[in-house]
Amino acid sequence: MMQTVAIPLWLFVLILLFAVVTFASHFLFPSVRWFFRRRMQRAVAKLNERLERPIEPFKLARRYDMIQRLIYDPEVSRAIVEHARTEGIPENVAFEQAKRYAREIVPGFSATAYFGFAIRFAKFLSRSLYRVRLGNFDEAALSAVDKEATVIFVMNHRSNMDYVLVTWLAAERSALSYAVGEWARVWPLSRLIKAMGAYFIRRKSRNDLYRRVLARYVRMATDGGVTQAMFPEGGLSLDGALAQPKLGLLKYIIDERSADARDVVFVPVALNYDRVFEDRILVAAGQKGERRFRARISVVAKFVMKQVWLRLTGQYHRHGYAAVSFGAPISLSQFQRDHPQGTVKHLGKLLLDRIGEEVPVLPVPMVARALLSAEGPMTHKALAATVEQMVETLPKAHVYLPRGDTAYATEVGLRMLKKRNLVQEADGLLTLVKEERPLVAYYAASIEHLFRSRSA
């Protein structure tokens, strides 16, 4: 028993590593996790004191615990049995599929990542790229929302910058949980997005088991009071106009809602831009009639490097204005009382209508619409007169005029279009570049519905 045993150095190192890992997992890691979790709880408690809507315990639960709760939910269990029977597979195989879906969907929210990094970065990026303006914002109405209600921001979807802008502008109210599509599942972006509380969805999945798992998670989050943000259109606008609502997430929120469940309050949010960075990709996809965006990483990298170079050489200019408006809250309980026969479809239409009413009117969309309305070349004077007439036609819209001057707003919008070679000028006459008319129409379409509703 006391004899010396010779072993290779590599084996000794391996045994030592196993011993260290075993010691840490049994004695060190639990203590360290407990220490940091206590610190996080104190930090969150202090953070909740300044937030209008404190972060709910559901959002702060450990990701592992939430996955377990989801996959063992009675509704999911029934869906697993049905899926196994329909597909002719063992129930344990169906269970593993549901578990994989749950892992894919459930976020791992980090208050440190969200409020320590994401908000600061969102504010910096937004202000670096645009002159950000806040349109309508009824502080009293938003503050009057029942503190026990679940608030869901419903937004039109113009750009991937929508996430950035609204995350920053809503930072003083609460942390938002977004539903994001497949584009965000790329590593390491996926880890960051999950840490910010977003959950992934497969927008075109026809798998009943997947939809059941997703529906139960959305229902749990809603019952747990998690402040959420969603895009009723279901995807980016390909033509600049508001699209018909996709009802999937709304259906999950409303279906199976018990009579004593907390109220759900929808806050319409409308965004508009003088420049949407994905505009050419979106217009091209719309012309082809398919939602397949072929944006290569090399194109994105080239754009970023160009912006960095312009900033370093002192030639950088921001890309016009970006504006956000917040509409009057809509209570789901009140909607159901007022419309006892109302369906998810009726609610979706109401939300899109309210979003449309709040869309900010910016210089580039106004100038784009004015140029498209002309039968031929326009003078600067005629363009300014057309824009002024448009402003007078929309007295209740959220029209942003730089310096409060219609003529100056016209020049700002025209300068942006000329800078991108969408408009040509010769002998004082302004003409749209023929090949670029679809892109100009994309910007005009963002406010076209305001004129239709006015004439109606």
Protein backbone atom coordinates (compact mmCIF):
# COMPACT_ATOMS: atom_id res chain seq x y z
CA MET A 1 0.00 0.00 0.00
CA MET A 2 2.93 2.34 0.62
CA GLN A 3 4.77 1.55 -2.61
CA THR A 4 5.55 4.33 -5.10
CA VAL A 5 3.67 4.14 -8.38
CA ALA A 6 5.15 5.82 -11.46
CA ILE A 7 2.71 7.40 -13.91
CA PRO A 8 3.26 9.56 -17.01
CA LEU A 9 3.25 13.30 -16.46
CA TRP A 10 0.29 13.81 -18.82
CA LEU A 11 -1.81 11.36 -16.81
CA PHE A 12 -0.89 13.10 -13.55
CA VAL A 13 -1.93 16.48 -15.03
CA LEU A 14 -5.21 14.97 -16.26
CA ILE A 15 -6.00 13.50 -12.83
CA LEU A 16 -5.16 16.83 -11.20
CA LEU A 17 -7.51 18.69 -13.58
CA PHE A 18 -10.34 16.27 -12.84
CA ALA A 19 -9.76 16.78 -9.12
CA VAL A 20 -9.84 20.56 -9.47
CA VAL A 21 -13.04 20.47 -11.53
CA THR A 22 -14.69 18.09 -9.05
CA PHE A 23 -13.72 20.28 -6.09
CA ALA A 24 -14.94 23.42 -7.84
CA SER A 25 -18.26 21.92 -8.94
CA HIS A 26 -19.03 20.59 -5.44
CA PHE A 27 -17.67 23.35 -3.22
CA LEU A 28 -16.59 26.44 -5.14
CA PHE A 29 -19.06 26.98 -8.02
CA PRO A 30 -22.27 26.83 -5.91
CA SER A 31 -20.83 29.39 -3.49
CA VAL A 32 -19.65 31.63 -6.29
CA ARG A 33 -23.03 31.40 -8.07
CA TRP A 34 -24.81 32.17 -4.78
CA PHE A 35 -22.53 35.17 -4.17
CA PHE A 36 -23.05 36.66 -7.62
CA ARG A 37 -26.78 35.88 -7.62
CA ARG A 38 -27.20 37.79 -4.35
CA ARG A 39 -25.29 40.73 -5.82
CA MET A 40 -27.45 40.61 -8.95
CA GLN A 41 -30.64 40.54 -6.87
CA ARG A 42 -29.53 43.63 -4.94
CA ALA A 43 -28.62 45.40 -8.21
CA VAL A 44 -31.99 44.52 -9.77
CA ALA A 45 -33.84 45.70 -6.64
CA LYS A 46 -32.06 49.06 -6.89
CA LEU A 47 -32.75 49.20 -10.64
CA ASN A 48 -36.46 48.49 -10.10
CA GLU A 49 -36.72 51.56 -7.89
CA ARG A 50 -36.19 53.84 -10.89
CA LEU A 51 -38.06 51.80 -13.50
CA GLU A 52 -41.70 52.69 -14.04
CA ARG A 53 -42.49 49.00 -14.54
CA PRO A 54 -40.15 46.82 -12.43
CA ILE A 55 -38.61 43.72 -13.96
CA GLU A 56 -40.90 40.81 -13.13
CA PRO A 57 -39.58 37.69 -11.31
CA PHE A 58 -40.54 35.57 -14.35
CA LYS A 59 -37.95 37.42 -16.46
CA LEU A 60 -35.27 36.98 -13.78
CA ALA A 61 -35.80 33.24 -13.33
CA ARG A 62 -32.91 30.97 -14.26
CA ARG A 63 -33.06 29.86 -17.88
CA TYR A 64 -32.69 26.19 -16.89
CA ASP A 65 -35.67 26.47 -14.53
CA MET A 66 -37.80 28.11 -17.20
CA ILE A 67 -36.96 25.39 -19.73
CA GLN A 68 -37.93 22.71 -17.22
CA ARG A 69 -41.16 24.49 -16.37
CA LEU A 70 -42.02 24.82 -20.06
CA ILE A 71 -41.34 21.25 -21.17
CA TYR A 72 -43.23 19.79 -18.17
CA ASP A 73 -46.23 22.08 -18.66
CA PRO A 74 -49.44 19.99 -18.98
CA GLU A 75 -50.32 21.54 -22.34
CA VAL A 76 -46.86 20.77 -23.72
CA SER A 77 -47.02 17.24 -22.31
CA ARG A 78 -50.29 16.62 -24.14
CA ALA A 79 -48.77 18.06 -27.32
CA ILE A 80 -45.79 15.69 -26.94
CA VAL A 81 -48.09 12.66 -26.68
CA GLU A 82 -50.12 13.80 -29.69
CA HIS A 83 -46.98 14.49 -31.73
CA ALA A 84 -45.56 11.05 -30.91
CA ARG A 85 -48.84 9.39 -31.94
CA THR A 86 -49.16 11.39 -35.17
CA GLU A 87 -45.55 10.91 -36.25
CA GLY A 88 -45.32 7.30 -35.08
CA ILE A 89 -42.29 7.92 -32.87
CA PRO A 90 -41.57 7.05 -29.21
CA GLU A 91 -42.70 9.63 -26.68
CA ASN A 92 -39.17 10.08 -25.35
CA VAL A 93 -38.07 11.14 -28.84
CA ALA A 94 -40.93 13.64 -29.05
CA PHE A 95 -40.00 14.86 -25.56
CA GLU A 96 -36.42 15.55 -26.70
CA GLN A 97 -37.76 17.51 -29.68
CA ALA A 98 -39.89 19.65 -27.37
CA LYS A 99 -36.90 20.17 -25.10
CA ARG A 100 -34.82 21.30 -28.07
CA TYR A 101 -37.55 23.77 -29.06
CA ALA A 102 -37.74 25.08 -25.48
CA ARG A 103 -33.98 25.64 -25.38
CA GLU A 104 -34.19 27.49 -28.67
CA ILE A 105 -37.05 29.75 -27.53
CA VAL A 106 -36.38 30.53 -23.87
CA PRO A 107 -34.07 33.53 -23.32
CA GLY A 108 -31.53 33.95 -20.54
CA PHE A 109 -32.11 37.54 -19.50
CA SER A 110 -29.20 39.42 -17.95
CA ALA A 111 -30.01 42.76 -16.31
CA THR A 112 -26.31 43.62 -16.45
CA ALA A 113 -26.11 43.00 -20.21
CA TYR A 114 -29.37 44.86 -20.86
CA PHE A 115 -28.97 47.95 -18.71
CA GLY A 116 -25.19 47.97 -18.47
CA PHE A 117 -24.35 47.50 -22.14
CA ALA A 118 -27.36 47.26 -24.47
CA ILE A 119 -29.04 50.54 -23.49
CA ARG A 120 -25.82 52.55 -23.69
CA PHE A 121 -24.89 50.99 -27.02
CA ALA A 122 -28.41 51.51 -28.42
CA LYS A 123 -28.33 55.19 -27.46
CA PHE A 124 -24.85 55.70 -28.90
CA LEU A 125 -25.65 53.91 -32.16
CA SER A 126 -29.00 55.66 -32.66
CA ARG A 127 -27.56 59.12 -32.13
CA SER A 128 -24.52 58.35 -34.26
CA LEU A 129 -26.59 57.28 -37.27
CA TYR A 130 -29.62 59.60 -37.02
CA ARG A 131 -31.01 62.77 -35.59
CA VAL A 132 -33.52 61.04 -33.33
CA ARG A 133 -36.83 62.76 -32.65
CA LEU A 134 -39.69 61.73 -30.38
CA GLY A 135 -43.09 62.32 -31.97
CA ASN A 136 -46.22 61.77 -29.92
CA PHE A 137 -45.63 60.67 -26.34
CA ASP A 138 -48.50 60.88 -23.87
CA GLU A 139 -46.69 60.57 -20.55
CA ALA A 140 -49.88 60.77 -18.51
CA ALA A 141 -51.67 58.02 -20.45
CA LEU A 142 -48.70 55.65 -20.28
CA SER A 143 -48.16 56.31 -16.58
CA ALA A 144 -51.86 55.63 -15.90
CA VAL A 145 -51.61 52.03 -17.17
CA ASP A 146 -52.41 49.52 -14.43
CA LYS A 147 -49.14 48.52 -12.74
CA GLU A 148 -50.30 44.90 -12.63
CA ALA A 149 -51.06 44.76 -16.36
CA THR A 150 -48.73 43.21 -18.92
CA VAL A 151 -47.60 45.90 -21.37
CA ILE A 152 -46.89 44.95 -24.98
CA PHE A 153 -45.43 47.51 -27.38
CA VAL A 154 -46.75 46.81 -30.90
CA MET A 155 -44.72 48.39 -33.70
CA ASN A 156 -44.48 48.76 -37.44
CA HIS A 157 -41.33 47.14 -38.82
CA ARG A 158 -39.24 49.33 -41.11
CA SER A 159 -35.67 48.37 -40.22
CA ASN A 160 -33.60 46.26 -37.88
CA MET A 161 -32.79 49.61 -36.25
CA ASP A 162 -36.33 49.44 -34.82
CA TYR A 163 -35.05 47.17 -32.04
CA VAL A 164 -32.26 49.60 -31.20
CA LEU A 165 -34.38 52.76 -31.15
CA VAL A 166 -37.28 51.44 -29.08
CA THR A 167 -34.99 49.60 -26.65
CA TRP A 168 -33.29 52.89 -25.84
CA LEU A 169 -36.41 55.07 -25.78
CA ALA A 170 -38.30 52.66 -23.51
CA ALA A 171 -35.34 52.12 -21.18
CA GLU A 172 -36.78 54.22 -18.35
CA ARG A 173 -40.00 52.18 -18.32
CA SER A 174 -38.84 48.59 -18.35
CA ALA A 175 -36.77 45.96 -20.10
CA LEU A 176 -38.38 44.77 -23.33
CA SER A 177 -38.62 41.16 -24.42
CA TYR A 178 -38.62 40.95 -28.23
CA ALA A 179 -39.74 38.16 -30.50
CA VAL A 180 -36.93 37.85 -33.06
CA GLY A 181 -36.71 35.78 -36.22
CA GLU A 182 -34.18 33.34 -37.61
CA TRP A 183 -31.76 36.12 -38.62
CA ALA A 184 -30.77 36.52 -34.94
CA ARG A 185 -29.81 32.86 -34.39
CA VAL A 186 -26.26 33.38 -35.65
CA TRP A 187 -23.52 32.80 -33.07
CA PRO A 188 -22.30 34.85 -31.15
CA LEU A 189 -25.15 37.31 -31.82
CA SER A 190 -27.65 34.75 -30.53
CA ARG A 191 -26.04 34.67 -27.06
CA LEU A 192 -26.17 38.45 -26.74
CA ILE A 193 -29.77 38.64 -27.93
CA LYS A 194 -30.88 35.94 -25.47
CA ALA A 195 -29.07 37.80 -22.68
CA MET A 196 -31.17 40.85 -23.57
CA GLY A 197 -34.35 38.84 -23.03
CA ALA A 198 -35.37 38.22 -26.63
CA TYR A 199 -36.90 34.90 -27.64
CA PHE A 200 -36.49 33.25 -31.05
CA ILE A 201 -39.39 32.24 -33.25
CA ARG A 202 -39.53 30.24 -36.47
CA ARG A 203 -41.95 32.37 -38.42
CA LYS A 204 -42.83 29.75 -41.02
CA SER A 205 -42.80 26.61 -38.90
CA ARG A 206 -45.76 24.31 -39.51
CA ASN A 207 -44.75 21.90 -36.76
CA ASP A 208 -47.65 21.59 -34.31
CA LEU A 209 -45.38 20.61 -31.43
CA TYR A 210 -43.15 23.64 -31.98
CA ARG A 211 -46.14 25.97 -32.13
CA ARG A 212 -47.52 24.49 -28.91
CA VAL A 213 -44.21 25.04 -27.08
CA LEU A 214 -43.96 28.60 -28.40
CA ALA A 215 -47.58 29.36 -27.52
CA ARG A 216 -47.12 28.16 -23.95
CA TYR A 217 -43.98 30.24 -23.50
CA VAL A 218 -45.70 33.38 -24.78
CA ARG A 219 -48.68 32.69 -22.52
CA MET A 220 -46.39 32.13 -19.50
CA ALA A 221 -44.47 35.34 -20.17
CA THR A 222 -47.71 37.30 -20.58
CA ASP A 223 -49.19 35.84 -17.38
CA GLY A 224 -45.88 36.62 -15.67
CA GLY A 225 -46.20 40.31 -16.52
CA VAL A 226 -43.17 40.46 -18.82
CA THR A 227 -43.09 43.71 -20.82
CA GLN A 228 -42.86 42.67 -24.47
CA ALA A 229 -42.39 44.19 -27.90
CA MET A 230 -43.70 42.68 -31.12
CA PHE A 231 -44.22 43.49 -34.78
CA PRO A 232 -47.80 42.66 -35.85
CA GLU A 233 -46.75 42.79 -39.53
CA GLY A 234 -44.60 39.73 -38.89
CA GLY A 235 -41.57 41.03 -40.80
CA LEU A 236 -39.89 43.99 -42.42
CA SER A 237 -41.98 46.03 -44.84
CA LEU A 238 -40.84 45.32 -48.42
CA ASP A 239 -42.54 48.33 -49.97
CA GLY A 240 -42.42 50.85 -47.11
CA ALA A 241 -46.17 50.67 -46.45
CA LEU A 242 -47.93 49.06 -43.52
CA ALA A 243 -48.70 45.41 -44.16
CA GLN A 244 -51.65 43.31 -43.05
CA PRO A 245 -51.23 41.94 -39.51
CA LYS A 246 -49.94 38.44 -38.89
CA LEU A 247 -52.00 37.03 -36.06
CA GLY A 248 -49.81 34.23 -34.68
CA LEU A 249 -48.36 35.91 -31.58
CA LEU A 250 -51.56 37.85 -30.91
CA LYS A 251 -53.48 34.58 -30.99
CA TYR A 252 -51.06 33.03 -28.49
CA ILE A 253 -51.51 36.02 -26.18
CA ILE A 254 -55.31 35.97 -26.30
CA ASP A 255 -56.10 32.25 -26.56
CA GLU A 256 -56.51 30.34 -23.31
CA ARG A 257 -56.51 33.60 -21.36
CA SER A 258 -58.39 32.92 -18.15
CA ALA A 259 -61.06 35.28 -16.86
CA ASP A 260 -59.00 36.23 -13.80
CA ALA A 261 -55.71 36.74 -15.71
CA ARG A 262 -53.96 40.09 -15.48
CA ASP A 263 -54.92 42.62 -18.13
CA VAL A 264 -52.83 43.04 -21.27
CA VAL A 265 -52.26 46.60 -22.48
CA PHE A 266 -51.03 47.21 -26.02
CA VAL A 267 -49.07 50.41 -26.72
CA PRO A 268 -48.96 51.31 -30.45
CA VAL A 269 -45.51 52.47 -31.54
CA ALA A 270 -44.77 53.92 -34.98
CA LEU A 271 -41.33 54.47 -36.48
CA ASN A 272 -40.15 56.22 -39.62
CA TYR A 273 -36.79 57.06 -41.16
CA ASP A 274 -35.21 59.37 -43.68
CA ARG A 275 -32.90 56.47 -44.51
CA VAL A 276 -33.47 52.77 -44.03
CA PHE A 277 -30.14 51.00 -44.44
CA GLU A 278 -31.76 47.82 -45.79
CA ASP A 279 -33.95 49.70 -48.28
CA ARG A 280 -32.41 48.36 -51.50
CA ILE A 281 -32.45 44.78 -50.22
CA LEU A 282 -36.09 45.09 -49.15
CA VAL A 283 -37.25 46.70 -52.39
CA ALA A 284 -35.44 44.05 -54.45
CA ALA A 285 -37.07 41.28 -52.38
CA GLY A 286 -40.47 42.91 -52.87
CA GLN A 287 -39.98 43.08 -56.64
CA LYS A 288 -39.06 39.40 -56.71
CA GLY A 289 -41.99 38.53 -54.48
CA GLU A 290 -39.94 36.61 -51.95
CA ARG A 291 -38.66 37.26 -48.45
CA ARG A 292 -35.13 36.07 -49.05
CA PHE A 293 -32.65 38.75 -48.15
CA ARG A 294 -29.29 38.17 -49.76
CA ALA A 295 -27.27 40.67 -47.71
CA ARG A 296 -23.67 39.41 -47.74
CA ILE A 297 -21.48 40.04 -44.71
CA SER A 298 -18.96 41.66 -47.06
CA VAL A 299 -21.55 44.31 -48.01
CA VAL A 300 -22.29 45.05 -44.35
CA ALA A 301 -18.58 45.19 -43.49
CA LYS A 302 -17.91 47.54 -46.40
CA PHE A 303 -20.68 49.90 -45.27
CA VAL A 304 -19.40 49.92 -41.67
CA MET A 305 -15.81 50.56 -42.75
CA LYS A 306 -16.93 53.39 -45.00
CA GLN A 307 -18.80 55.07 -42.13
CA VAL A 308 -15.78 54.68 -39.85
CA TRP A 309 -13.50 56.17 -42.51
CA LEU A 310 -15.82 59.13 -43.04
CA ARG A 311 -15.88 59.76 -39.30
CA LEU A 312 -12.08 59.55 -39.01
CA THR A 313 -11.60 61.97 -41.90
CA GLY A 314 -14.20 64.43 -40.62
CA GLN A 315 -16.56 63.87 -43.58
CA TYR A 316 -19.24 61.94 -41.71
CA HIS A 317 -22.83 63.17 -41.72
CA ARG A 318 -25.75 61.46 -40.05
CA HIS A 319 -28.38 59.80 -42.24
CA GLY A 320 -31.22 62.24 -41.71
CA TYR A 321 -33.95 61.89 -39.11
CA ALA A 322 -35.45 58.91 -37.32
CA ALA A 323 -38.64 59.44 -35.34
CA VAL A 324 -40.73 57.35 -32.96
CA SER A 325 -44.29 58.03 -31.76
CA PHE A 326 -46.14 56.28 -28.93
CA GLY A 327 -49.92 56.03 -29.23
CA ALA A 328 -52.68 55.75 -26.65
CA PRO A 329 -52.69 52.40 -24.76
CA ILE A 330 -55.32 49.80 -25.68
CA SER A 331 -56.58 47.51 -22.90
CA LEU A 332 -57.37 43.97 -24.00
CA SER A 333 -60.00 43.62 -21.26
CA GLN A 334 -61.69 46.83 -22.38
CA PHE A 335 -61.53 45.75 -26.03
CA GLN A 336 -63.23 42.46 -25.19
CA ARG A 337 -65.93 44.24 -23.19
CA ASP A 338 -66.58 46.74 -25.99
CA HIS A 339 -66.43 44.07 -28.71
CA PRO A 340 -67.84 40.85 -27.23
CA GLN A 341 -67.86 39.30 -30.70
CA GLY A 342 -64.45 40.70 -31.57
CA THR A 343 -61.82 38.28 -32.82
CA VAL A 344 -58.05 38.27 -32.98
CA LYS A 345 -58.41 39.54 -36.54
CA HIS A 346 -60.39 42.58 -35.35
CA LEU A 347 -57.82 43.31 -32.67
CA GLY A 348 -54.96 43.01 -35.17
CA LYS A 349 -56.64 45.47 -37.53
CA LEU A 350 -57.28 47.91 -34.68
CA LEU A 351 -53.62 47.79 -33.62
CA LEU A 352 -52.34 48.35 -37.17
CA ASP A 353 -54.78 51.24 -37.64
CA ARG A 354 -53.55 52.86 -34.42
CA ILE A 355 -49.93 52.35 -35.44
CA GLY A 356 -50.69 53.93 -38.82
CA GLU A 357 -52.18 57.00 -37.15
CA GLU A 358 -48.96 57.54 -35.23
CA VAL A 359 -46.46 57.21 -38.10
CA PRO A 360 -44.16 60.27 -38.05
CA VAL A 361 -43.92 62.33 -41.25
CA LEU A 362 -40.29 63.18 -42.04
CA PRO A 363 -38.58 65.28 -44.74
CA VAL A 364 -37.48 62.46 -47.09
CA PRO A 365 -40.90 60.71 -47.27
CA MET A 366 -42.60 64.08 -47.90
CA VAL A 367 -40.20 65.10 -50.67
CA ALA A 368 -40.34 61.61 -52.19
CA ARG A 369 -44.13 61.74 -52.36
CA ALA A 370 -44.08 65.25 -53.81
CA LEU A 371 -41.64 64.27 -56.58
CA LEU A 372 -43.64 61.16 -57.46
CA SER A 373 -46.82 63.21 -57.74
CA ALA A 374 -45.30 65.44 -60.45
CA GLU A 375 -45.94 64.60 -64.08
CA GLY A 376 -42.51 65.86 -65.08
CA PRO A 377 -39.50 67.80 -63.78
CA MET A 378 -40.14 70.18 -60.87
CA THR A 379 -38.59 73.46 -59.85
CA HIS A 380 -37.45 73.99 -56.28
CA LYS A 381 -40.29 76.44 -55.79
CA ALA A 382 -42.91 73.99 -57.04
CA LEU A 383 -41.50 71.24 -54.86
CA ALA A 384 -41.61 73.44 -51.73
CA ALA A 385 -45.20 74.48 -52.54
CA THR A 386 -46.26 70.84 -52.94
CA VAL A 387 -44.66 69.86 -49.63
CA GLU A 388 -46.31 72.81 -47.88
CA GLN A 389 -49.69 71.76 -49.25
CA MET A 390 -49.07 68.22 -47.96
CA VAL A 391 -48.30 69.55 -44.47
CA GLU A 392 -51.51 71.59 -44.47
CA THR A 393 -53.44 68.45 -45.48
CA LEU A 394 -52.21 66.59 -42.38
CA PRO A 395 -52.99 68.86 -39.42
CA LYS A 396 -53.33 65.96 -36.97
CA ALA A 397 -50.34 63.94 -38.15
CA HIS A 398 -47.00 63.99 -36.37
CA VAL A 399 -45.14 66.06 -38.96
CA TYR A 400 -41.55 66.91 -38.09
CA LEU A 401 -40.28 70.10 -39.72
CA PRO A 402 -36.63 70.90 -38.97
CA ARG A 403 -36.42 74.44 -37.56
CA GLY A 404 -40.20 74.58 -37.90
CA ASP A 405 -39.72 75.65 -41.53
CA THR A 406 -41.41 73.83 -44.42
CA ALA A 407 -39.01 75.25 -47.02
CA TYR A 408 -36.00 74.13 -45.00
CA ALA A 409 -37.54 70.68 -44.43
CA THR A 410 -37.96 70.39 -48.21
CA GLU A 411 -34.30 71.20 -48.79
CA VAL A 412 -33.26 68.69 -46.14
CA GLY A 413 -35.26 65.91 -47.75
CA LEU A 414 -34.08 66.84 -51.24
CA ARG A 415 -30.46 66.95 -50.14
CA MET A 416 -30.75 63.40 -48.78
CA LEU A 417 -32.22 62.10 -52.05
CA LYS A 418 -29.65 63.90 -54.19
CA LYS A 419 -26.82 62.62 -52.02
CA ARG A 420 -27.91 59.07 -52.84
CA ASN A 421 -28.29 59.89 -56.56
CA LEU A 422 -32.03 59.26 -56.53
CA VAL A 423 -32.76 62.74 -57.91
CA GLN A 424 -31.00 64.68 -60.65
CA GLU A 425 -30.94 68.43 -61.14
CA ALA A 426 -30.33 70.19 -64.45
CA ASP A 427 -31.04 73.85 -65.26
CA GLY A 428 -32.88 74.25 -61.94
CA LEU A 429 -35.25 71.35 -62.69
CA LEU A 430 -35.49 68.29 -60.46
CA THR A 431 -36.06 64.85 -62.00
CA LEU A 432 -36.29 61.41 -60.46
CA VAL A 433 -33.72 58.91 -61.74
CA LYS A 434 -35.86 56.41 -63.61
CA GLU A 435 -34.11 53.32 -62.26
CA GLU A 436 -34.49 54.58 -58.70
CA ARG A 437 -38.23 55.31 -58.75
CA PRO A 438 -39.08 52.09 -56.81
CA LEU A 439 -36.73 53.18 -54.03
CA VAL A 440 -38.23 56.68 -53.91
CA ALA A 441 -41.71 55.11 -53.86
CA TYR A 442 -40.61 52.97 -50.89
CA TYR A 443 -40.14 56.12 -48.78
CA ALA A 444 -43.30 57.81 -50.07
CA ALA A 445 -45.34 54.71 -49.18
CA SER A 446 -44.49 55.07 -45.48
CA ILE A 447 -46.88 58.05 -45.19
CA GLU A 448 -49.29 57.40 -48.07
CA HIS A 449 -51.93 55.85 -45.79
CA LEU A 450 -52.21 59.15 -43.89
CA PHE A 451 -53.42 60.89 -47.03
CA ARG A 452 -55.84 58.09 -47.90
CA SER A 453 -57.43 58.20 -44.46
CA ARG A 454 -57.64 62.00 -44.72
CA SER A 455 -59.44 61.88 -48.07
CA ALA A 456 -61.77 59.11 -46.83
